[in-house]
C-alpha atoms as a PDB file:
ATOM      1  CA  UNK A   1      -0.051  -0.422   0.252  1.00  0.00           C
ATOM      2  CA  UNK A   2       1.408   3.537  -1.106  1.00  0.00           C
ATOM      3  CA  UNK A   3       0.871   5.886   1.758  1.00  0.00           C
ATOM      4  CA  UNK A   4       0.851   9.324   0.822  1.00  0.00           C
ATOM      5  CA  UNK A   5      -1.329  11.923   2.408  1.00  0.00           C
ATOM      6  CA  UNK A   6       0.369  14.716   0.167  1.00  0.00           C
ATOM      7  CA  UNK A   7      -2.981  15.070  -2.388  1.00  0.00           C
ATOM      8  CA  UNK A   8      -5.398  14.899   0.983  1.00  0.00           C
ATOM      9  CA  UNK A   9      -3.218  17.699   2.443  1.00  0.00           C
ATOM     10  CA  UNK A  10      -3.388  19.891  -0.349  1.00  0.00           C
ATOM     11  CA  UNK A  11      -6.936  19.715  -0.751  1.00  0.00           C
ATOM     12  CA  UNK A  12      -7.456  20.452   2.802  1.00  0.00           C
ATOM     13  CA  UNK A  13      -7.329  24.520   3.193  1.00  0.00           C
ATOM     14  CA  UNK A  14     -10.201  24.487   0.702  1.00  0.00           C
ATOM     15  CA  UNK A  15     -12.376  22.014   2.715  1.00  0.00           C
ATOM     16  CA  UNK A  16     -11.584  23.068   6.260  1.00  0.00           C
ATOM     17  CA  UNK A  17     -14.297  26.030   6.227  1.00  0.00           C
ATOM     18  CA  UNK A  18     -17.064  23.390   5.552  1.00  0.00           C
ATOM     19  CA  UNK A  19     -15.998  21.122   8.296  1.00  0.00           C
ATOM     20  CA  UNK A  20     -17.542  21.586  11.868  1.00  0.00           C
ATOM     21  CA  UNK A  21     -15.002  22.750  14.410  1.00  0.00           C
ATOM     22  CA  UNK A  22     -13.852  19.373  16.380  1.00  0.00           C
ATOM     23  CA  UNK A  23     -13.290  17.794  12.678  1.00  0.00           C
ATOM     24  CA  UNK A  24     -11.543  20.867  11.657  1.00  0.00           C
ATOM     25  CA  UNK A  25      -9.169  20.520  14.740  1.00  0.00           C
ATOM     26  CA  UNK A  26      -8.344  17.453  14.332  1.00  0.00           C
ATOM     27  CA  UNK A  27      -7.853  17.799  10.178  1.00  0.00           C
ATOM     28  CA  UNK A  28      -5.394  21.273  10.576  1.00  0.00           C
ATOM     29  CA  UNK A  29      -3.404  19.633  13.441  1.00  0.00           C
ATOM     30  CA  UNK A  30       0.205  19.721  11.551  1.00  0.00           C
ATOM     31  CA  UNK A  31       1.101  16.278  13.602  1.00  0.00           C
ATOM     32  CA  UNK A  32      -2.011  14.622  11.964  1.00  0.00           C
ATOM     33  CA  UNK A  33      -0.190  13.110   9.214  1.00  0.00           C
ATOM     34  CA  UNK A  34       3.292  13.761   9.913  1.00  0.00           C
ATOM     35  CA  UNK A  35       4.780  10.205  10.102  1.00  0.00           C
ATOM     36  CA  UNK A  36       7.209  11.247  12.533  1.00  0.00           C
ATOM     37  CA  UNK A  37       5.184  12.449  14.905  1.00  0.00           C
ATOM     38  CA  UNK A  38       3.787  10.963  17.781  1.00  0.00           C
ATOM     39  CA  UNK A  39       0.763  12.200  17.392  1.00  0.00           C
ATOM     40  CA  UNK A  40       0.163  10.976  13.848  1.00  0.00           C
ATOM     41  CA  UNK A  41      -2.795   8.409  13.739  1.00  0.00           C
ATOM     42  CA  UNK A  42      -0.611   6.092  11.173  1.00  0.00           C
ATOM     43  CA  UNK A  43       0.131   3.034  12.811  1.00  0.00           C
ATOM     44  CA  UNK A  44      -2.329   3.220  16.048  1.00  0.00           C
ATOM     45  CA  UNK A  45      -4.869   0.076  16.557  1.00  0.00           C
ATOM     46  CA  UNK A  46      -8.527   0.219  17.270  1.00  0.00           C
ATOM     47  CA  UNK A  47      -9.084  -1.327  20.444  1.00  0.00           C
ATOM     48  CA  UNK A  48     -12.374  -0.854  21.457  1.00  0.00           C
ATOM     49  CA  UNK A  49     -15.811   0.855  19.938  1.00  0.00           C
ATOM     50  CA  UNK A  50     -19.088   1.800  21.742  1.00  0.00           C
ATOM     51  CA  UNK A  51     -21.902   2.817  19.974  1.00  0.00           C
ATOM     52  CA  UNK A  52     -24.613   4.309  22.727  1.00  0.00           C
ATOM     53  CA  UNK A  53     -28.244   5.557  21.863  1.00  0.00           C
ATOM     54  CA  UNK A  54     -29.206   8.703  24.382  1.00  0.00           C
ATOM     55  CA  UNK A  55     -32.025  10.626  24.121  1.00  0.00           C
ATOM     56  CA  UNK A  56     -32.519   9.713  19.923  1.00  0.00           C
ATOM     57  CA  UNK A  57     -28.865  10.854  18.766  1.00  0.00           C
ATOM     58  CA  UNK A  58     -26.240   8.309  18.177  1.00  0.00           C
ATOM     59  CA  UNK A  59     -22.855   8.987  19.843  1.00  0.00           C
ATOM     60  CA  UNK A  60     -19.739   6.872  18.863  1.00  0.00           C
ATOM     61  CA  UNK A  61     -16.897   6.550  20.928  1.00  0.00           C
ATOM     62  CA  UNK A  62     -13.021   5.227  19.164  1.00  0.00           C
ATOM     63  CA  UNK A  63     -10.487   4.286  21.188  1.00  0.00           C
ATOM     64  CA  UNK A  64      -6.813   3.182  19.679  1.00  0.00           C
ATOM     65  CA  UNK A  65      -4.146   1.900  21.256  1.00  0.00           C
ATOM     66  CA  UNK A  66      -0.893   3.363  20.616  1.00  0.00           C
ATOM     67  CA  UNK A  67       2.337   2.035  18.794  1.00  0.00           C
ATOM     68  CA  UNK A  68       5.130   1.543  21.588  1.00  0.00           C
ATOM     69  CA  UNK A  69       7.670   2.334  18.897  1.00  0.00           C
ATOM     70  CA  UNK A  70       5.818   5.671  17.745  1.00  0.00           C
ATOM     71  CA  UNK A  71       3.256   7.090  19.847  1.00  0.00           C
ATOM     72  CA  UNK A  72       3.291   9.054  23.008  1.00  0.00           C
ATOM     73  CA  UNK A  73      -0.322   8.228  23.911  1.00  0.00           C
ATOM     74  CA  UNK A  74      -3.592   6.859  22.883  1.00  0.00           C
ATOM     75  CA  UNK A  75      -5.999   8.453  20.711  1.00  0.00           C
ATOM     76  CA  UNK A  76      -9.722   8.790  21.670  1.00  0.00           C
ATOM     77  CA  UNK A  77     -12.449   9.838  18.999  1.00  0.00           C
ATOM     78  CA  UNK A  78     -15.981  10.492  19.947  1.00  0.00           C
ATOM     79  CA  UNK A  79     -18.284  11.369  17.274  1.00  0.00           C
ATOM     80  CA  UNK A  80     -21.815  13.038  18.263  1.00  0.00           C
ATOM     81  CA  UNK A  81     -25.250  12.688  16.721  1.00  0.00           C
ATOM     82  CA  UNK A  82     -23.792   9.351  14.109  1.00  0.00           C
ATOM     83  CA  UNK A  83     -25.585   8.674  11.059  1.00  0.00           C
ATOM     84  CA  UNK A  84     -23.466   6.315   9.500  1.00  0.00           C
ATOM     85  CA  UNK A  85     -21.082   3.656  11.165  1.00  0.00           C
ATOM     86  CA  UNK A  86     -19.580   1.104   8.505  1.00  0.00           C
ATOM     87  CA  UNK A  87     -16.784  -1.223   9.013  1.00  0.00           C
ATOM     88  CA  UNK A  88     -15.249  -3.493   6.434  1.00  0.00           C
ATOM     89  CA  UNK A  89     -12.833  -6.291   7.462  1.00  0.00           C
ATOM     90  CA  UNK A  90     -10.936  -8.124   5.050  1.00  0.00           C
ATOM     91  CA  UNK A  91     -10.481 -11.499   5.659  1.00  0.00           C
ATOM     92  CA  UNK A  92      -7.779 -12.245   7.996  1.00  0.00           C
ATOM     93  CA  UNK A  93      -4.083 -12.712   6.541  1.00  0.00           C
ATOM     94  CA  UNK A  94      -2.439 -14.210   9.482  1.00  0.00           C
ATOM     95  CA  UNK A  95      -0.019 -11.537  10.092  1.00  0.00           C
ATOM     96  CA  UNK A  96      -2.282  -8.580  11.711  1.00  0.00           C
ATOM     97  CA  UNK A  97      -5.123  -8.023  13.885  1.00  0.00           C
ATOM     98  CA  UNK A  98      -8.241  -8.383  12.151  1.00  0.00           C
ATOM     99  CA  UNK A  99      -8.003  -4.663  11.005  1.00  0.00           C
ATOM    100  CA  UNK A 100      -4.382  -4.320  11.538  1.00  0.00           C
ATOM    101  CA  UNK A 101      -2.905  -0.607  12.113  1.00  0.00           C
ATOM    102  CA  UNK A 102      -4.328   2.669  11.055  1.00  0.00           C
ATOM    103  CA  UNK A 103      -2.783   3.887   8.046  1.00  0.00           C
ATOM    104  CA  UNK A 104      -4.379   6.804   6.616  1.00  0.00           C
ATOM    105  CA  UNK A 105      -7.665   9.027   7.343  1.00  0.00           C
ATOM    106  CA  UNK A 106      -9.064  11.599   5.711  1.00  0.00           C
ATOM    107  CA  UNK A 107     -11.682  14.367   7.517  1.00  0.00           C
ATOM    108  CA  UNK A 108     -14.437  15.743   4.728  1.00  0.00           C
ATOM    109  CA  UNK A 109     -17.151  17.504   4.704  1.00  0.00           C
ATOM    110  CA  UNK A 110     -20.357  15.832   4.819  1.00  0.00           C
ATOM    111  CA  UNK A 111     -24.434  16.892   4.640  1.00  0.00           C
ATOM    112  CA  UNK A 112     -24.535  15.737   8.599  1.00  0.00           C
ATOM    113  CA  UNK A 113     -21.152  17.309   9.328  1.00  0.00           C
ATOM    114  CA  UNK A 114     -18.143  15.278   9.201  1.00  0.00           C
ATOM    115  CA  UNK A 115     -17.059  12.334   6.670  1.00  0.00           C
ATOM    116  CA  UNK A 116     -14.672  10.323   8.744  1.00  0.00           C
ATOM    117  CA  UNK A 117     -12.947   7.693   6.554  1.00  0.00           C
ATOM    118  CA  UNK A 118     -10.497   5.726   7.882  1.00  0.00           C
ATOM    119  CA  UNK A 119      -8.146   2.901   6.062  1.00  0.00           C
ATOM    120  CA  UNK A 120      -6.339  -0.177   7.813  1.00  0.00           C
ATOM    121  CA  UNK A 121      -4.248  -2.676   6.766  1.00  0.00           C
ATOM    122  CA  UNK A 122      -6.802  -5.273   6.428  1.00  0.00           C
ATOM    123  CA  UNK A 123     -10.084  -2.948   6.339  1.00  0.00           C
ATOM    124  CA  UNK A 124     -11.785   0.464   6.363  1.00  0.00           C
ATOM    125  CA  UNK A 125     -14.144   2.038   8.770  1.00  0.00           C
ATOM    126  CA  UNK A 126     -16.204   5.170   7.976  1.00  0.00           C
ATOM    127  CA  UNK A 127     -18.385   7.406  10.055  1.00  0.00           C
ATOM    128  CA  UNK A 128     -21.144  10.475   9.051  1.00  0.00           C
ATOM    129  CA  UNK A 129     -21.781  12.373  11.968  1.00  0.00           C
ATOM    130  CA  UNK A 130     -22.683  15.992  13.278  1.00  0.00           C
ATOM    131  CA  UNK A 131     -18.579  16.431  15.019  1.00  0.00           C
ATOM    132  CA  UNK A 132     -16.305  14.966  16.498  1.00  0.00           C
ATOM    133  CA  UNK A 133     -13.971  15.837  19.619  1.00  0.00           C
ATOM    134  CA  UNK A 134     -10.286  13.967  19.246  1.00  0.00           C
ATOM    135  CA  UNK A 135      -8.332  13.823  22.595  1.00  0.00           C
ATOM    136  CA  UNK A 136      -4.862  12.325  23.030  1.00  0.00           C
ATOM    137  CA  UNK A 137      -4.184  10.892  26.810  1.00  0.00           C
END
């Protein structure tokens, strides 16, 4: 898999105004796609997902485990007013966890608020939501 975040990063300035505030903060973080940064999303592993329905609005939490050789902490994402949560997992290859490590992600404007597409070694995850918050722990 060729990993090149440059086309997305090049297009990002034209997309920022259309993103909700939390998604905008995460997308414009200079460390987000800097493969040498301890706050880059590459090589994180999805550890847990929790979908809750409170008062008719769905909330999704994703907890990512850090790569011990790269990250200083774990990433937690919380999506508000989730409209779509789609996971596609490839057949296990015997070398990785089922999804494998996160490779790249894209935050894009969406009629619901934000589309967050995450590409793993062995699958993809897509979320459409009103917004998200991101925190490194």
